[in-house]
């Protein structure tokens, strides 16, 4: 069928047919992967219809039918490995069951596992087991890098400064490999290093005064982004930002907590949010701007307060 040709057309530049690692590399581009997922879906649905047709089964040579079945299995396995490698979030629910039934009935030469949820990097043991099963250094590096990037994207709003730094590091590392500026081994090493830093929150210049206070660290990162250009000495900027991070956290906790627990749906209470905005603004003016002579504008102060409150809404629930 035409859908079979259109599916293969995506891989016309791959010289060695059925070389799965080469096919995975051919799908490194996100737009190509999207086209692959769509075309495979169409192909599977049409093949299901064809296999249920007596006329098609009678008129089509058995060798050709076997080729169509084999290719369904091959591309379904490729879909699974590519999704794992690049941490793609794709909604296969609408046709997953019928494809799996089709595979179970007609594709017997190779096992095709059903699609499951992607393992989170924080499920360390399970994720390591998944990575160990992957063939190829670059494929393992991609899996670690893209799964870490997925986690970063999901958590970005909870600590923007921290996750933004590692998001940029990951993008640069992936780009360096794609441009062949680093080897597969170096790519794997860097991906692992970034994953470890994200998991254990290391390598982010967290001040000692805020160790163990993750939400205060997020406020510190937000403040540091605003004040770092106001000082000639980065160390002093970090010191001031650390004090601000701790101070903002104290204010937020004072307003949000009642007997050690966050107030019910406090994030939806406009009067409490208003109090928080005023309290953080006053604190930044009196205890940061005036005390340390930082040239923070009212716009800077409003921005720090607003971004800090958005983080608090996510973290203190």
C-alpha atoms as a PDB file:
ATOM      1  CA  UNK A   1       0.000   0.000   0.000  1.00  0.00           C
ATOM      2  CA  UNK A   2       0.887   3.639  -0.385  1.00  0.00           C
ATOM      3  CA  UNK A   3       1.110   4.069   3.390  1.00  0.00           C
ATOM      4  CA  UNK A   4       3.902   1.450   3.440  1.00  0.00           C
ATOM      5  CA  UNK A   5       5.926   3.413   0.866  1.00  0.00           C
ATOM      6  CA  UNK A   6       5.332   6.691   2.702  1.00  0.00           C
ATOM      7  CA  UNK A   7       6.590   5.135   5.928  1.00  0.00           C
ATOM      8  CA  UNK A   8       9.751   3.848   4.273  1.00  0.00           C
ATOM      9  CA  UNK A   9      10.228   7.198   2.553  1.00  0.00           C
ATOM     10  CA  UNK A  10      11.250   8.733   5.901  1.00  0.00           C
ATOM     11  CA  UNK A  11      14.298   6.439   5.915  1.00  0.00           C
ATOM     12  CA  UNK A  12      15.383   6.675   2.281  1.00  0.00           C
ATOM     13  CA  UNK A  13      18.754   8.122   3.366  1.00  0.00           C
ATOM     14  CA  UNK A  14      19.543   5.078   5.542  1.00  0.00           C
ATOM     15  CA  UNK A  15      21.719   2.730   3.441  1.00  0.00           C
ATOM     16  CA  UNK A  16      21.428  -0.413   5.568  1.00  0.00           C
ATOM     17  CA  UNK A  17      17.775  -1.440   5.760  1.00  0.00           C
ATOM     18  CA  UNK A  18      16.589  -2.855   9.094  1.00  0.00           C
ATOM     19  CA  UNK A  19      19.656  -1.456  10.908  1.00  0.00           C
ATOM     20  CA  UNK A  20      17.733  -0.259  13.966  1.00  0.00           C
ATOM     21  CA  UNK A  21      20.442   2.045  15.449  1.00  0.00           C
ATOM     22  CA  UNK A  22      20.783   3.790  12.068  1.00  0.00           C
ATOM     23  CA  UNK A  23      17.008   4.200  11.884  1.00  0.00           C
ATOM     24  CA  UNK A  24      16.973   5.697  15.390  1.00  0.00           C
ATOM     25  CA  UNK A  25      19.663   8.196  14.363  1.00  0.00           C
ATOM     26  CA  UNK A  26      17.592   9.081  11.289  1.00  0.00           C
ATOM     27  CA  UNK A  27      14.790  10.099  13.666  1.00  0.00           C
ATOM     28  CA  UNK A  28      16.916  12.457  15.760  1.00  0.00           C
ATOM     29  CA  UNK A  29      14.935  15.416  14.374  1.00  0.00           C
ATOM     30  CA  UNK A  30      11.686  15.961  16.311  1.00  0.00           C
ATOM     31  CA  UNK A  31       9.629  16.813  13.210  1.00  0.00           C
ATOM     32  CA  UNK A  32      10.766  13.593  11.534  1.00  0.00           C
ATOM     33  CA  UNK A  33       9.761  11.600  14.594  1.00  0.00           C
ATOM     34  CA  UNK A  34       6.311  13.195  14.571  1.00  0.00           C
ATOM     35  CA  UNK A  35       5.915  12.242  10.893  1.00  0.00           C
ATOM     36  CA  UNK A  36       7.078   8.708  11.685  1.00  0.00           C
ATOM     37  CA  UNK A  37       4.557   8.268  14.512  1.00  0.00           C
ATOM     38  CA  UNK A  38       1.734   9.573  12.297  1.00  0.00           C
ATOM     39  CA  UNK A  39       2.636   7.455   9.268  1.00  0.00           C
ATOM     40  CA  UNK A  40       3.073   4.312  11.353  1.00  0.00           C
ATOM     41  CA  UNK A  41      -0.367   4.876  12.839  1.00  0.00           C
ATOM     42  CA  UNK A  42      -1.919   5.192   9.376  1.00  0.00           C
ATOM     43  CA  UNK A  43      -0.001   2.150   8.077  1.00  0.00           C
ATOM     44  CA  UNK A  44      -1.087  -0.032  11.015  1.00  0.00           C
ATOM     45  CA  UNK A  45      -4.741   0.908  10.640  1.00  0.00           C
ATOM     46  CA  UNK A  46      -4.748   0.281   6.877  1.00  0.00           C
ATOM     47  CA  UNK A  47      -2.886  -3.020   7.240  1.00  0.00           C
ATOM     48  CA  UNK A  48      -5.459  -4.136   9.807  1.00  0.00           C
ATOM     49  CA  UNK A  49      -8.224  -3.422   7.296  1.00  0.00           C
ATOM     50  CA  UNK A  50      -6.318  -5.160   4.489  1.00  0.00           C
ATOM     51  CA  UNK A  51      -5.671  -8.307   6.530  1.00  0.00           C
ATOM     52  CA  UNK A  52      -9.379  -8.586   7.281  1.00  0.00           C
ATOM     53  CA  UNK A  53     -10.207  -8.459   3.543  1.00  0.00           C
ATOM     54  CA  UNK A  54     -10.625 -11.836   1.820  1.00  0.00           C
ATOM     55  CA  UNK A  55     -10.118 -10.210  -1.599  1.00  0.00           C
ATOM     56  CA  UNK A  56      -6.818  -8.539  -0.584  1.00  0.00           C
ATOM     57  CA  UNK A  57      -5.502 -11.745   1.007  1.00  0.00           C
ATOM     58  CA  UNK A  58      -6.391 -13.704  -2.132  1.00  0.00           C
ATOM     59  CA  UNK A  59      -4.898 -11.274  -4.659  1.00  0.00           C
ATOM     60  CA  UNK A  60      -1.741 -10.288  -2.758  1.00  0.00           C
ATOM     61  CA  UNK A  61       1.274 -12.649  -2.938  1.00  0.00           C
ATOM     62  CA  UNK A  62       2.050 -14.279   0.427  1.00  0.00           C
ATOM     63  CA  UNK A  63       5.638 -13.015   0.290  1.00  0.00           C
ATOM     64  CA  UNK A  64       4.345  -9.434   0.064  1.00  0.00           C
ATOM     65  CA  UNK A  65       1.889  -9.968   2.930  1.00  0.00           C
ATOM     66  CA  UNK A  66       4.701 -11.368   5.084  1.00  0.00           C
ATOM     67  CA  UNK A  67       6.816  -8.300   4.267  1.00  0.00           C
ATOM     68  CA  UNK A  68       4.020  -5.966   5.390  1.00  0.00           C
ATOM     69  CA  UNK A  69       3.618  -7.905   8.638  1.00  0.00           C
ATOM     70  CA  UNK A  70       7.354  -7.979   9.296  1.00  0.00           C
ATOM     71  CA  UNK A  71       7.641  -4.246   8.694  1.00  0.00           C
ATOM     72  CA  UNK A  72       4.821  -3.563  11.132  1.00  0.00           C
ATOM     73  CA  UNK A  73       6.784  -5.419  13.800  1.00  0.00           C
ATOM     74  CA  UNK A  74      10.054  -3.704  12.903  1.00  0.00           C
ATOM     75  CA  UNK A  75       8.598  -0.196  12.918  1.00  0.00           C
ATOM     76  CA  UNK A  76       6.609  -0.855  16.094  1.00  0.00           C
ATOM     77  CA  UNK A  77       9.814  -1.877  17.894  1.00  0.00           C
ATOM     78  CA  UNK A  78      11.523   1.182  16.443  1.00  0.00           C
ATOM     79  CA  UNK A  79       8.687   3.385  17.701  1.00  0.00           C
ATOM     80  CA  UNK A  80       9.163   2.035  21.232  1.00  0.00           C
ATOM     81  CA  UNK A  81      12.952   2.437  21.266  1.00  0.00           C
ATOM     82  CA  UNK A  82      12.811   5.933  19.732  1.00  0.00           C
ATOM     83  CA  UNK A  83      10.188   7.070  22.225  1.00  0.00           C
ATOM     84  CA  UNK A  84      12.387   5.810  25.079  1.00  0.00           C
ATOM     85  CA  UNK A  85      15.534   7.324  23.611  1.00  0.00           C
ATOM     86  CA  UNK A  86      14.142  10.814  23.032  1.00  0.00           C
ATOM     87  CA  UNK A  87      11.582  10.824  25.888  1.00  0.00           C
ATOM     88  CA  UNK A  88       8.746  11.675  23.510  1.00  0.00           C
ATOM     89  CA  UNK A  89       5.337  12.186  25.049  1.00  0.00           C
ATOM     90  CA  UNK A  90       2.966  10.908  22.394  1.00  0.00           C
ATOM     91  CA  UNK A  91      -0.664   9.920  22.865  1.00  0.00           C
ATOM     92  CA  UNK A  92      -0.915   6.408  21.432  1.00  0.00           C
ATOM     93  CA  UNK A  93      -3.997   5.498  23.464  1.00  0.00           C
ATOM     94  CA  UNK A  94      -6.453   5.962  20.596  1.00  0.00           C
ATOM     95  CA  UNK A  95      -5.025   3.094  18.570  1.00  0.00           C
ATOM     96  CA  UNK A  96      -2.557   1.300  20.852  1.00  0.00           C
ATOM     97  CA  UNK A  97      -4.898  -1.581  21.722  1.00  0.00           C
ATOM     98  CA  UNK A  98      -5.796  -2.361  18.122  1.00  0.00           C
ATOM     99  CA  UNK A  99      -2.154  -2.188  17.010  1.00  0.00           C
ATOM    100  CA  UNK A 100      -1.100  -4.511  19.833  1.00  0.00           C
ATOM    101  CA  UNK A 101      -3.839  -7.006  18.899  1.00  0.00           C
ATOM    102  CA  UNK A 102      -2.726  -6.828  15.268  1.00  0.00           C
ATOM    103  CA  UNK A 103       0.889  -7.460  16.284  1.00  0.00           C
ATOM    104  CA  UNK A 104      -0.041 -10.305  18.649  1.00  0.00           C
ATOM    105  CA  UNK A 105      -2.036 -11.997  15.901  1.00  0.00           C
ATOM    106  CA  UNK A 106       0.196 -11.475  12.881  1.00  0.00           C
ATOM    107  CA  UNK A 107       3.745 -10.603  14.022  1.00  0.00           C
ATOM    108  CA  UNK A 108       5.350 -13.588  15.715  1.00  0.00           C
ATOM    109  CA  UNK A 109       8.985 -13.535  14.591  1.00  0.00           C
ATOM    110  CA  UNK A 110      10.048 -10.822  17.041  1.00  0.00           C
ATOM    111  CA  UNK A 111       8.603  -9.723  20.342  1.00  0.00           C
ATOM    112  CA  UNK A 112       7.058  -6.252  20.284  1.00  0.00           C
ATOM    113  CA  UNK A 113       6.492  -4.912  23.778  1.00  0.00           C
ATOM    114  CA  UNK A 114       3.479  -2.676  24.441  1.00  0.00           C
ATOM    115  CA  UNK A 115       4.128   0.989  25.175  1.00  0.00           C
ATOM    116  CA  UNK A 116       4.338   1.878  28.855  1.00  0.00           C
ATOM    117  CA  UNK A 117       4.927   5.073  30.835  1.00  0.00           C
ATOM    118  CA  UNK A 118       8.451   6.494  30.615  1.00  0.00           C
ATOM    119  CA  UNK A 119      10.496   5.787  33.744  1.00  0.00           C
ATOM    120  CA  UNK A 120      11.354   8.923  35.726  1.00  0.00           C
ATOM    121  CA  UNK A 121      15.055   9.569  36.405  1.00  0.00           C
ATOM    122  CA  UNK A 122      14.209   9.735  40.125  1.00  0.00           C
ATOM    123  CA  UNK A 123      13.271   6.035  39.968  1.00  0.00           C
ATOM    124  CA  UNK A 124      17.020   5.514  39.868  1.00  0.00           C
ATOM    125  CA  UNK A 125      17.249   1.729  40.015  1.00  0.00           C
ATOM    126  CA  UNK A 126      14.511   1.159  37.440  1.00  0.00           C
ATOM    127  CA  UNK A 127      15.911   3.840  35.124  1.00  0.00           C
ATOM    128  CA  UNK A 128      19.437   2.394  35.345  1.00  0.00           C
ATOM    129  CA  UNK A 129      18.056  -1.033  34.442  1.00  0.00           C
ATOM    130  CA  UNK A 130      16.305   0.484  31.421  1.00  0.00           C
ATOM    131  CA  UNK A 131      19.491   2.236  30.264  1.00  0.00           C
ATOM    132  CA  UNK A 132      21.577  -0.941  30.722  1.00  0.00           C
ATOM    133  CA  UNK A 133      19.341  -2.797  28.254  1.00  0.00           C
ATOM    134  CA  UNK A 134      19.926  -0.194  25.536  1.00  0.00           C
ATOM    135  CA  UNK A 135      22.421  -1.058  22.812  1.00  0.00           C
ATOM    136  CA  UNK A 136      24.938   1.611  21.818  1.00  0.00           C
ATOM    137  CA  UNK A 137      26.745   4.375  23.682  1.00  0.00           C
ATOM    138  CA  UNK A 138      24.977   7.216  21.845  1.00  0.00           C
ATOM    139  CA  UNK A 139      21.561   5.635  22.407  1.00  0.00           C
ATOM    140  CA  UNK A 140      22.247   5.370  26.158  1.00  0.00           C
ATOM    141  CA  UNK A 141      23.480   8.972  26.238  1.00  0.00           C
ATOM    142  CA  UNK A 142      20.384  10.163  24.356  1.00  0.00           C
ATOM    143  CA  UNK A 143      18.091   8.295  26.734  1.00  0.00           C
ATOM    144  CA  UNK A 144      19.704   9.867  29.808  1.00  0.00           C
ATOM    145  CA  UNK A 145      19.898  13.344  28.259  1.00  0.00           C
ATOM    146  CA  UNK A 146      16.342  13.473  26.910  1.00  0.00           C
ATOM    147  CA  UNK A 147      14.778  11.855  29.986  1.00  0.00           C
ATOM    148  CA  UNK A 148      16.603  14.407  32.160  1.00  0.00           C
ATOM    149  CA  UNK A 149      15.380  17.184  29.848  1.00  0.00           C
ATOM    150  CA  UNK A 150      11.815  15.883  30.226  1.00  0.00           C
ATOM    151  CA  UNK A 151      12.136  16.025  34.023  1.00  0.00           C
ATOM    152  CA  UNK A 152      13.575  19.555  33.814  1.00  0.00           C
ATOM    153  CA  UNK A 153      10.687  20.748  31.626  1.00  0.00           C
ATOM    154  CA  UNK A 154       8.149  19.285  34.054  1.00  0.00           C
ATOM    155  CA  UNK A 155       9.817  20.927  37.068  1.00  0.00           C
ATOM    156  CA  UNK A 156      10.949  24.221  35.493  1.00  0.00           C
ATOM    157  CA  UNK A 157       8.309  26.371  37.204  1.00  0.00           C
ATOM    158  CA  UNK A 158       9.244  25.007  40.645  1.00  0.00           C
ATOM    159  CA  UNK A 159      12.787  26.417  40.511  1.00  0.00           C
ATOM    160  CA  UNK A 160      13.286  28.378  37.266  1.00  0.00           C
ATOM    161  CA  UNK A 161      16.881  29.522  37.810  1.00  0.00           C
ATOM    162  CA  UNK A 162      18.164  26.074  38.824  1.00  0.00           C
ATOM    163  CA  UNK A 163      16.465  24.154  36.021  1.00  0.00           C
ATOM    164  CA  UNK A 164      17.146  26.793  33.371  1.00  0.00           C
ATOM    165  CA  UNK A 165      20.894  26.408  33.940  1.00  0.00           C
ATOM    166  CA  UNK A 166      20.811  22.639  33.420  1.00  0.00           C
ATOM    167  CA  UNK A 167      18.355  22.894  30.533  1.00  0.00           C
ATOM    168  CA  UNK A 168      20.863  25.066  28.683  1.00  0.00           C
ATOM    169  CA  UNK A 169      23.746  22.728  29.596  1.00  0.00           C
ATOM    170  CA  UNK A 170      21.808  19.759  28.217  1.00  0.00           C
ATOM    171  CA  UNK A 171      20.909  21.541  24.984  1.00  0.00           C
ATOM    172  CA  UNK A 172      24.549  22.496  24.455  1.00  0.00           C
ATOM    173  CA  UNK A 173      25.703  18.927  25.188  1.00  0.00           C
ATOM    174  CA  UNK A 174      23.194  17.399  22.753  1.00  0.00           C
ATOM    175  CA  UNK A 175      24.116  20.000  20.122  1.00  0.00           C
ATOM    176  CA  UNK A 176      27.843  19.298  20.623  1.00  0.00           C
ATOM    177  CA  UNK A 177      27.270  15.601  19.962  1.00  0.00           C
ATOM    178  CA  UNK A 178      25.034  16.204  16.933  1.00  0.00           C
ATOM    179  CA  UNK A 179      27.696  18.496  15.463  1.00  0.00           C
ATOM    180  CA  UNK A 180      30.313  15.806  16.228  1.00  0.00           C
ATOM    181  CA  UNK A 181      32.320  18.151  18.461  1.00  0.00           C
ATOM    182  CA  UNK A 182      32.362  15.480  21.175  1.00  0.00           C
ATOM    183  CA  UNK A 183      32.568  11.686  21.006  1.00  0.00           C
ATOM    184  CA  UNK A 184      29.818   9.258  21.999  1.00  0.00           C
ATOM    185  CA  UNK A 185      31.748   8.426  25.181  1.00  0.00           C
ATOM    186  CA  UNK A 186      32.080  12.097  26.143  1.00  0.00           C
ATOM    187  CA  UNK A 187      28.390  12.643  25.365  1.00  0.00           C
ATOM    188  CA  UNK A 188      27.460   9.795  27.716  1.00  0.00           C
ATOM    189  CA  UNK A 189      29.747  11.138  30.454  1.00  0.00           C
ATOM    190  CA  UNK A 190      28.321  14.669  30.238  1.00  0.00           C
ATOM    191  CA  UNK A 191      24.729  13.399  30.142  1.00  0.00           C
ATOM    192  CA  UNK A 192      25.364  11.327  33.284  1.00  0.00           C
ATOM    193  CA  UNK A 193      27.034  14.279  35.046  1.00  0.00           C
ATOM    194  CA  UNK A 194      24.077  16.571  34.313  1.00  0.00           C
ATOM    195  CA  UNK A 195      21.587  13.899  35.387  1.00  0.00           C
ATOM    196  CA  UNK A 196      23.447  13.505  38.706  1.00  0.00           C
ATOM    197  CA  UNK A 197      23.532  17.279  39.248  1.00  0.00           C
ATOM    198  CA  UNK A 198      19.788  17.528  38.656  1.00  0.00           C
ATOM    199  CA  UNK A 199      19.023  14.525  40.864  1.00  0.00           C
ATOM    200  CA  UNK A 200      21.173  15.674  43.773  1.00  0.00           C
ATOM    201  CA  UNK A 201      20.986  19.440  43.164  1.00  0.00           C
ATOM    202  CA  UNK A 202      24.763  19.766  42.971  1.00  0.00           C
ATOM    203  CA  UNK A 203      26.856  22.074  40.840  1.00  0.00           C
ATOM    204  CA  UNK A 204      24.428  24.948  41.185  1.00  0.00           C
ATOM    205  CA  UNK A 205      26.409  27.189  43.590  1.00  0.00           C
ATOM    206  CA  UNK A 206      23.871  26.819  46.393  1.00  0.00           C
ATOM    207  CA  UNK A 207      24.981  28.854  49.428  1.00  0.00           C
ATOM    208  CA  UNK A 208      25.675  26.910  52.625  1.00  0.00           C
ATOM    209  CA  UNK A 209      23.097  29.013  54.469  1.00  0.00           C
ATOM    210  CA  UNK A 210      20.335  27.523  52.307  1.00  0.00           C
ATOM    211  CA  UNK A 211      21.348  23.851  52.371  1.00  0.00           C
ATOM    212  CA  UNK A 212      18.285  21.759  53.098  1.00  0.00           C
ATOM    213  CA  UNK A 213      15.903  24.608  52.205  1.00  0.00           C
ATOM    214  CA  UNK A 214      14.939  23.792  48.627  1.00  0.00           C
ATOM    215  CA  UNK A 215      12.170  26.369  48.277  1.00  0.00           C
ATOM    216  CA  UNK A 216      14.430  29.096  49.679  1.00  0.00           C
ATOM    217  CA  UNK A 217      17.007  27.983  47.097  1.00  0.00           C
ATOM    218  CA  UNK A 218      14.463  28.634  44.355  1.00  0.00           C
ATOM    219  CA  UNK A 219      13.844  32.152  45.714  1.00  0.00           C
ATOM    220  CA  UNK A 220      17.623  32.639  45.878  1.00  0.00           C
ATOM    221  CA  UNK A 221      17.947  31.693  42.196  1.00  0.00           C
ATOM    222  CA  UNK A 222      15.203  34.113  41.186  1.00  0.00           C
ATOM    223  CA  UNK A 223      16.787  36.954  43.177  1.00  0.00           C
ATOM    224  CA  UNK A 224      20.305  36.210  41.935  1.00  0.00           C
ATOM    225  CA  UNK A 225      19.139  36.534  38.322  1.00  0.00           C
ATOM    226  CA  UNK A 226      17.981  40.077  39.150  1.00  0.00           C
ATOM    227  CA  UNK A 227      20.923  41.259  41.283  1.00  0.00           C
ATOM    228  CA  UNK A 228      23.941  39.604  39.630  1.00  0.00           C
ATOM    229  CA  UNK A 229      24.399  42.486  37.178  1.00  0.00           C
ATOM    230  CA  UNK A 230      24.131  45.068  39.989  1.00  0.00           C
ATOM    231  CA  UNK A 231      27.413  44.035  41.628  1.00  0.00           C
ATOM    232  CA  UNK A 232      30.950  43.931  40.340  1.00  0.00           C
ATOM    233  CA  UNK A 233      31.658  41.017  42.671  1.00  0.00           C
ATOM    234  CA  UNK A 234      29.662  37.852  41.949  1.00  0.00           C
ATOM    235  CA  UNK A 235      30.374  36.458  45.409  1.00  0.00           C
ATOM    236  CA  UNK A 236      28.738  39.477  47.033  1.00  0.00           C
ATOM    237  CA  UNK A 237      25.754  39.177  44.674  1.00  0.00           C
ATOM    238  CA  UNK A 238      25.318  35.545  45.719  1.00  0.00           C
ATOM    239  CA  UNK A 239      25.537  36.488  49.403  1.00  0.00           C
ATOM    240  CA  UNK A 240      22.814  39.131  49.023  1.00  0.00           C
ATOM    241  CA  UNK A 241      20.643  36.788  46.917  1.00  0.00           C
ATOM    242  CA  UNK A 242      21.035  34.056  49.553  1.00  0.00           C
ATOM    243  CA  UNK A 243      19.859  36.405  52.282  1.00  0.00           C
ATOM    244  CA  UNK A 244      16.911  37.436  50.108  1.00  0.00           C
ATOM    245  CA  UNK A 245      16.040  33.799  49.346  1.00  0.00           C
ATOM    246  CA  UNK A 246      15.926  32.926  53.025  1.00  0.00           C
ATOM    247  CA  UNK A 247      14.000  36.081  53.907  1.00  0.00           C
ATOM    248  CA  UNK A 248      11.375  35.572  51.210  1.00  0.00           C
ATOM    249  CA  UNK A 249      10.930  31.972  52.321  1.00  0.00           C
ATOM    250  CA  UNK A 250      10.396  33.078  55.929  1.00  0.00           C
ATOM    251  CA  UNK A 251       7.702  35.549  54.817  1.00  0.00           C
ATOM    252  CA  UNK A 252       5.931  32.992  52.648  1.00  0.00           C
ATOM    253  CA  UNK A 253       5.923  30.339  55.361  1.00  0.00           C
ATOM    254  CA  UNK A 254       4.616  32.837  57.926  1.00  0.00           C
ATOM    255  CA  UNK A 255       1.636  33.639  55.719  1.00  0.00           C
ATOM    256  CA  UNK A 256       0.983  30.203  54.277  1.00  0.00           C
ATOM    257  CA  UNK A 257       1.419  27.815  57.199  1.00  0.00           C
ATOM    258  CA  UNK A 258      -0.983  27.251  60.057  1.00  0.00           C
ATOM    259  CA  UNK A 259       0.086  24.783  62.769  1.00  0.00           C
ATOM    260  CA  UNK A 260       2.798  23.401  60.502  1.00  0.00           C
ATOM    261  CA  UNK A 261       0.525  22.763  57.515  1.00  0.00           C
ATOM    262  CA  UNK A 262      -0.253  24.907  54.450  1.00  0.00           C
ATOM    263  CA  UNK A 263      -3.629  26.624  54.643  1.00  0.00           C
ATOM    264  CA  UNK A 264      -6.284  25.019  52.461  1.00  0.00           C
ATOM    265  CA  UNK A 265      -6.050  26.326  48.875  1.00  0.00           C
ATOM    266  CA  UNK A 266      -4.200  29.406  50.036  1.00  0.00           C
ATOM    267  CA  UNK A 267      -3.002  30.001  46.456  1.00  0.00           C
ATOM    268  CA  UNK A 268      -6.565  30.902  45.453  1.00  0.00           C
ATOM    269  CA  UNK A 269      -7.038  33.508  48.209  1.00  0.00           C
ATOM    270  CA  UNK A 270      -6.453  36.922  46.662  1.00  0.00           C
ATOM    271  CA  UNK A 271      -6.221  38.715  50.013  1.00  0.00           C
ATOM    272  CA  UNK A 272      -3.428  36.409  51.195  1.00  0.00           C
ATOM    273  CA  UNK A 273      -1.587  36.743  47.866  1.00  0.00           C
ATOM    274  CA  UNK A 274      -1.914  40.528  48.169  1.00  0.00           C
ATOM    275  CA  UNK A 275      -0.419  40.450  51.676  1.00  0.00           C
ATOM    276  CA  UNK A 276       2.426  38.311  50.371  1.00  0.00           C
ATOM    277  CA  UNK A 277       3.191  40.697  47.498  1.00  0.00           C
ATOM    278  CA  UNK A 278       3.322  43.672  49.885  1.00  0.00           C
ATOM    279  CA  UNK A 279       5.392  41.838  52.521  1.00  0.00           C
ATOM    280  CA  UNK A 280       7.961  40.571  49.998  1.00  0.00           C
ATOM    281  CA  UNK A 281       8.146  43.987  48.314  1.00  0.00           C
ATOM    282  CA  UNK A 282       8.696  45.787  51.632  1.00  0.00           C
ATOM    283  CA  UNK A 283      11.333  43.254  52.646  1.00  0.00           C
ATOM    284  CA  UNK A 284      13.233  43.601  49.366  1.00  0.00           C
ATOM    285  CA  UNK A 285      13.211  47.404  49.660  1.00  0.00           C
ATOM    286  CA  UNK A 286      14.173  47.665  53.333  1.00  0.00           C
ATOM    287  CA  UNK A 287      16.381  44.634  53.943  1.00  0.00           C
ATOM    288  CA  UNK A 288      17.968  44.134  50.542  1.00  0.00           C
ATOM    289  CA  UNK A 289      17.897  47.295  48.416  1.00  0.00           C
ATOM    290  CA  UNK A 290      18.489  49.862  51.165  1.00  0.00           C
ATOM    291  CA  UNK A 291      20.632  47.689  53.436  1.00  0.00           C
ATOM    292  CA  UNK A 292      23.072  46.611  50.716  1.00  0.00           C
ATOM    293  CA  UNK A 293      22.708  49.578  48.368  1.00  0.00           C
ATOM    294  CA  UNK A 294      21.419  47.443  45.508  1.00  0.00           C
ATOM    295  CA  UNK A 295      19.946  49.449  42.642  1.00  0.00           C
ATOM    296  CA  UNK A 296      16.722  47.457  42.455  1.00  0.00           C
ATOM    297  CA  UNK A 297      13.944  49.245  40.599  1.00  0.00           C
ATOM    298  CA  UNK A 298      10.283  48.876  41.535  1.00  0.00           C
ATOM    299  CA  UNK A 299       9.972  46.730  38.414  1.00  0.00           C
ATOM    300  CA  UNK A 300      12.770  44.442  39.638  1.00  0.00           C
ATOM    301  CA  UNK A 301      11.133  44.131  43.055  1.00  0.00           C
ATOM    302  CA  UNK A 302       7.699  43.390  41.588  1.00  0.00           C
ATOM    303  CA  UNK A 303       9.225  40.779  39.275  1.00  0.00           C
ATOM    304  CA  UNK A 304      11.074  38.979  42.091  1.00  0.00           C
ATOM    305  CA  UNK A 305       7.940  38.997  44.253  1.00  0.00           C
ATOM    306  CA  UNK A 306       5.655  37.757  41.459  1.00  0.00           C
ATOM    307  CA  UNK A 307       7.994  34.956  40.376  1.00  0.00           C
ATOM    308  CA  UNK A 308       8.610  33.896  43.974  1.00  0.00           C
ATOM    309  CA  UNK A 309       4.875  33.690  44.657  1.00  0.00           C
ATOM    310  CA  UNK A 310       4.360  31.520  41.561  1.00  0.00           C
ATOM    311  CA  UNK A 311       7.026  29.129  42.854  1.00  0.00           C
ATOM    312  CA  UNK A 312       5.480  29.140  46.344  1.00  0.00           C
ATOM    313  CA  UNK A 313       2.090  28.203  44.876  1.00  0.00           C
ATOM    314  CA  UNK A 314       3.634  25.058  43.417  1.00  0.00           C
ATOM    315  CA  UNK A 315       5.942  24.104  46.272  1.00  0.00           C
ATOM    316  CA  UNK A 316       3.869  24.804  49.381  1.00  0.00           C
ATOM    317  CA  UNK A 317       0.779  22.651  48.935  1.00  0.00           C
END
